[in-house]
Amino acid sequence: MFQDTLRENVGSFVQIITAIDVINGTLLAVTDAAAVVRTSSSYGEPTDVTIPLVSITYVRIFSGVE
C-alpha cells in the first residue's frame, strides 16, 4: 500500500506534489490518513506540514536523509 511505502522512507528527504502545491522536506511520520513533512526555510524556523494522503498526486523520495 501507498502508506507502507511512505512509512519505509520516514527520515528521508521528499518532495510531495499535490494539485495546488509542492512540499519539500524531511518525512517525519505517516498515518493512515496523512503524511507529516518538516519543511525548512532560510528565513525562519522549520515548519511541520500535515498533508492528507488523498491530496497527494506524486511523491519523489531522495535517498537518505538530507
Protein backbone atom coordinates (compact mmCIF):
# COMPACT_ATOMS: atom_id res chain seq x y z
CA MET A 1 0.00 0.00 0.00
CA PHE A 2 0.96 3.60 -0.54
CA GLN A 3 1.20 4.36 3.19
CA ASP A 4 3.53 1.42 3.79
CA THR A 5 5.96 2.62 1.12
CA LEU A 6 5.97 6.09 2.65
CA ARG A 7 6.47 4.66 6.16
CA GLU A 8 9.55 2.78 4.96
CA ASN A 9 11.04 6.15 3.99
CA VAL A 10 10.43 8.13 7.18
CA GLY A 11 13.54 10.23 7.73
CA SER A 12 14.20 10.69 4.01
CA PHE A 13 14.09 13.95 2.13
CA VAL A 14 10.94 14.00 0.00
CA GLN A 15 9.13 16.16 -2.49
CA ILE A 16 5.35 15.80 -2.28
CA ILE A 17 3.19 17.18 -5.06
CA THR A 18 -0.49 17.99 -4.61
CA ALA A 19 -2.90 19.65 -7.01
CA ILE A 20 -2.04 23.08 -5.58
CA ASP A 21 1.43 22.86 -4.02
CA VAL A 22 4.87 21.27 -3.93
CA ILE A 23 6.22 20.50 -0.46
CA ASN A 24 9.90 19.69 0.09
CA GLY A 25 11.31 18.46 3.37
CA THR A 26 12.02 15.55 5.68
CA LEU A 27 9.29 12.95 6.02
CA LEU A 28 8.56 12.73 9.76
CA ALA A 29 5.53 10.45 10.03
CA VAL A 30 2.84 8.68 8.07
CA THR A 31 -0.59 7.72 9.38
CA ASP A 32 -3.46 6.04 7.57
CA ALA A 33 -4.75 9.50 6.64
CA ALA A 34 -1.79 11.88 6.34
CA ALA A 35 1.92 12.43 5.91
CA VAL A 36 3.88 14.91 8.02
CA VAL A 37 6.83 16.72 6.43
CA ARG A 38 9.24 19.10 8.15
CA THR A 39 10.00 21.90 5.74
CA SER A 40 12.85 24.32 6.17
CA SER A 41 13.08 27.93 5.29
CA SER A 42 16.21 30.04 5.08
CA TYR A 43 14.16 32.82 6.67
CA GLY A 44 12.84 31.17 9.80
CA GLU A 45 12.11 28.11 11.88
CA PRO A 46 11.32 24.72 10.32
CA THR A 47 7.60 24.05 9.93
CA ASP A 48 5.80 20.71 10.17
CA VAL A 49 3.22 20.36 7.40
CA THR A 50 0.47 17.74 7.51
CA ILE A 51 -0.66 16.60 4.07
CA PRO A 52 -3.77 14.43 3.67
CA LEU A 53 -2.88 11.30 1.69
CA VAL A 54 -5.91 11.79 -0.58
CA SER A 55 -4.39 15.13 -1.69
CA ILE A 56 -1.06 13.64 -2.77
CA THR A 57 -0.65 13.16 -6.51
CA TYR A 58 3.07 12.32 -6.64
CA VAL A 59 5.96 11.69 -4.24
CA ARG A 60 9.66 11.87 -5.04
CA ILE A 61 11.86 10.20 -2.44
CA PHE A 62 15.52 11.16 -2.32
CA SER A 63 17.86 8.55 -0.91
CA GLY A 64 18.86 9.02 2.69
CA VAL A 65 18.43 11.98 4.98
CA GLU A 66 19.27 15.38 3.62
